[in-house]
């Protein structure tokens, strides 16, 4: 087992992340639209004010990725971050990659003045809920409600 490295991605790395996203979305039965995913990744990589993304790598290659996005909240008294996506391929799980990614993201957020770090996961994945609880995330018994909005003219379809 080689150590896990977290490397920030550049525009040239987007094509390396897309297959990992496709695996993640398939595993959790999320709809995956390659063109929209690629456009969203390119936008995130191009604008650090929106967030950051890192590829998790071992000597053998990519084993996952973590994406963090930024927002602002009156309740949090400032900027907050969301672990938007954290994915580790099944063969690399239970070897510390997720734990390392969370610790890295938390330290980066604390250093840059982020006031809170949030994560979203489904209740139907109790193992993930337990993982996040073990790492200090607290369930505030709230529900996240989402309303998809129509794409603007010229946007890549979601």
Protein backbone atom coordinates (compact mmCIF):
# COMPACT_ATOMS: atom_id res chain seq x y z
CA UNK A 1 0.00 0.00 0.00
CA UNK A 2 1.51 3.30 -1.08
CA UNK A 3 0.77 6.63 0.59
CA UNK A 4 -2.10 8.73 -0.73
CA UNK A 5 -1.21 12.07 -2.31
CA UNK A 6 -3.72 14.85 -2.95
CA UNK A 7 -2.81 16.79 -6.06
CA UNK A 8 -4.73 19.84 -7.27
CA UNK A 9 -6.07 19.36 -10.75
CA UNK A 10 -5.50 21.63 -13.71
CA UNK A 11 -7.55 21.95 -16.88
CA UNK A 12 -5.47 19.17 -18.44
CA UNK A 13 -6.57 16.79 -15.63
CA UNK A 14 -10.32 17.14 -16.23
CA UNK A 15 -10.29 14.07 -18.48
CA UNK A 16 -8.73 12.06 -15.62
CA UNK A 17 -11.52 13.03 -13.21
CA UNK A 18 -14.49 12.36 -15.51
CA UNK A 19 -14.16 8.53 -15.42
CA UNK A 20 -13.98 8.67 -11.61
CA UNK A 21 -17.10 10.84 -11.55
CA UNK A 22 -18.86 8.38 -13.85
CA UNK A 23 -17.99 5.53 -11.44
CA UNK A 24 -19.16 7.53 -8.43
CA UNK A 25 -22.43 8.54 -10.05
CA UNK A 26 -23.11 4.98 -11.28
CA UNK A 27 -22.40 3.51 -7.83
CA UNK A 28 -24.83 5.90 -6.15
CA UNK A 29 -27.34 5.93 -9.01
CA UNK A 30 -26.97 9.63 -9.78
CA UNK A 31 -27.57 10.75 -13.36
CA UNK A 32 -24.26 11.38 -15.14
CA UNK A 33 -24.06 13.69 -18.12
CA UNK A 34 -20.46 13.77 -19.37
CA UNK A 35 -20.71 17.10 -21.21
CA UNK A 36 -22.29 18.90 -18.25
CA UNK A 37 -19.87 17.26 -15.80
CA UNK A 38 -16.89 18.27 -17.93
CA UNK A 39 -18.13 21.87 -18.22
CA UNK A 40 -18.72 22.07 -14.45
CA UNK A 41 -15.25 20.67 -13.73
CA UNK A 42 -13.61 23.12 -16.14
CA UNK A 43 -15.44 26.02 -14.48
CA UNK A 44 -14.39 24.91 -10.99
CA UNK A 45 -10.76 24.46 -12.01
CA UNK A 46 -10.70 27.86 -13.72
CA UNK A 47 -12.14 29.78 -10.73
CA UNK A 48 -10.68 29.14 -7.27
CA UNK A 49 -13.29 31.48 -5.77
CA UNK A 50 -15.89 28.79 -6.50
CA UNK A 51 -13.93 25.93 -4.93
CA UNK A 52 -11.11 23.47 -5.45
CA UNK A 53 -10.66 19.88 -6.54
CA UNK A 54 -7.90 17.39 -5.89
CA UNK A 55 -7.17 13.97 -7.32
CA UNK A 56 -6.26 11.26 -4.81
CA UNK A 57 -3.31 9.27 -6.09
CA UNK A 58 -1.21 6.29 -5.12
CA UNK A 59 1.85 5.05 -6.96
CA UNK A 60 -0.44 2.90 -9.11
CA UNK A 61 -2.52 5.90 -10.20
CA UNK A 62 -5.73 7.78 -9.38
CA UNK A 63 -7.88 6.25 -6.63
CA UNK A 64 -10.40 9.06 -6.18
CA UNK A 65 -11.02 12.76 -5.91
CA UNK A 66 -12.39 15.37 -3.54
CA UNK A 67 -14.17 18.55 -4.62
CA UNK A 68 -14.87 21.44 -2.25
CA UNK A 69 -17.07 24.39 -3.12
CA UNK A 70 -17.44 27.70 -1.29
CA UNK A 71 -20.43 29.72 -0.19
CA UNK A 72 -21.33 32.49 2.25
CA UNK A 73 -23.76 32.24 5.14
CA UNK A 74 -25.09 34.72 7.65
CA UNK A 75 -25.79 31.84 10.01
CA UNK A 76 -22.14 30.70 9.76
CA UNK A 77 -20.95 34.31 10.07
CA UNK A 78 -18.97 34.14 6.87
CA UNK A 79 -17.62 31.80 4.24
CA UNK A 80 -18.34 28.09 4.42
CA UNK A 81 -17.21 25.14 2.37
CA UNK A 82 -19.02 22.04 1.19
CA UNK A 83 -17.35 18.73 0.52
CA UNK A 84 -19.30 18.55 -2.70
CA UNK A 85 -17.92 15.20 -3.80
CA UNK A 86 -15.55 12.76 -2.14
CA UNK A 87 -15.06 9.52 -4.01
CA UNK A 88 -12.64 6.67 -3.46
CA UNK A 89 -12.70 3.71 -5.84
CA UNK A 90 -13.89 0.49 -4.15
CA UNK A 91 -10.48 -1.23 -4.34
CA UNK A 92 -8.83 1.64 -2.44
CA UNK A 93 -11.37 2.02 0.36
CA UNK A 94 -10.60 1.39 4.04
CA UNK A 95 -6.96 2.38 3.54
CA UNK A 96 -7.16 5.97 4.74
CA UNK A 97 -7.75 7.89 1.48
CA UNK A 98 -11.07 9.39 2.60
CA UNK A 99 -9.73 10.22 6.05
CA UNK A 100 -6.66 11.87 4.52
CA UNK A 101 -8.79 13.86 2.07
CA UNK A 102 -11.08 15.15 4.83
CA UNK A 103 -8.16 16.14 7.06
CA UNK A 104 -6.48 17.92 4.16
CA UNK A 105 -9.65 19.82 3.22
CA UNK A 106 -10.39 20.74 6.83
CA UNK A 107 -6.88 22.12 7.36
CA UNK A 108 -6.99 24.11 4.12
CA UNK A 109 -10.38 25.56 5.02
CA UNK A 110 -9.25 26.54 8.51
CA UNK A 111 -6.13 28.23 7.10
CA UNK A 112 -8.17 30.27 4.62
CA UNK A 113 -10.77 31.57 7.07
CA UNK A 114 -13.61 29.22 6.21
CA UNK A 115 -16.05 29.21 9.17
CA UNK A 116 -17.74 25.82 8.64
CA UNK A 117 -17.30 22.69 6.57
CA UNK A 118 -20.43 20.88 5.40
CA UNK A 119 -21.02 17.54 3.72
CA UNK A 120 -24.13 15.99 2.25
CA UNK A 121 -24.90 12.28 2.05
CA UNK A 122 -27.99 10.14 1.85
CA UNK A 123 -29.45 8.39 4.87
CA UNK A 124 -29.50 5.24 2.75
CA UNK A 125 -25.71 5.04 3.13
CA UNK A 126 -25.23 4.42 6.87
CA UNK A 127 -21.55 3.57 6.43
CA UNK A 128 -20.89 7.00 4.98
CA UNK A 129 -22.92 8.69 7.71
CA UNK A 130 -20.85 6.89 10.35
CA UNK A 131 -17.61 7.84 8.53
CA UNK A 132 -18.55 11.53 8.60
CA UNK A 133 -19.74 11.37 12.22
CA UNK A 134 -16.38 9.82 13.22
CA UNK A 135 -14.67 12.80 11.62
CA UNK A 136 -16.60 15.45 13.53
CA UNK A 137 -19.56 16.20 11.27
CA UNK A 138 -22.80 16.73 13.18
CA UNK A 139 -26.27 16.00 11.85
CA UNK A 140 -28.39 19.09 12.49
CA UNK A 141 -31.58 17.24 11.56
CA UNK A 142 -32.30 19.51 8.65
CA UNK A 143 -33.38 18.62 5.16
CA UNK A 144 -31.74 19.96 2.07
CA UNK A 145 -34.40 20.71 -0.51
CA UNK A 146 -33.38 21.18 -4.12
CA UNK A 147 -35.18 22.75 -7.02
CA UNK A 148 -33.41 22.32 -10.36
CA UNK A 149 -33.55 25.48 -12.45
CA UNK A 150 -33.67 25.58 -16.25
CA UNK A 151 -30.38 25.98 -18.11
CA UNK A 152 -29.68 29.41 -19.55
CA UNK A 153 -29.25 29.80 -23.27
CA UNK A 154 -25.79 28.51 -24.17
CA UNK A 155 -25.32 26.45 -21.00
CA UNK A 156 -24.45 22.78 -21.24
CA UNK A 157 -27.55 20.74 -20.36
CA UNK A 158 -27.48 19.39 -16.82
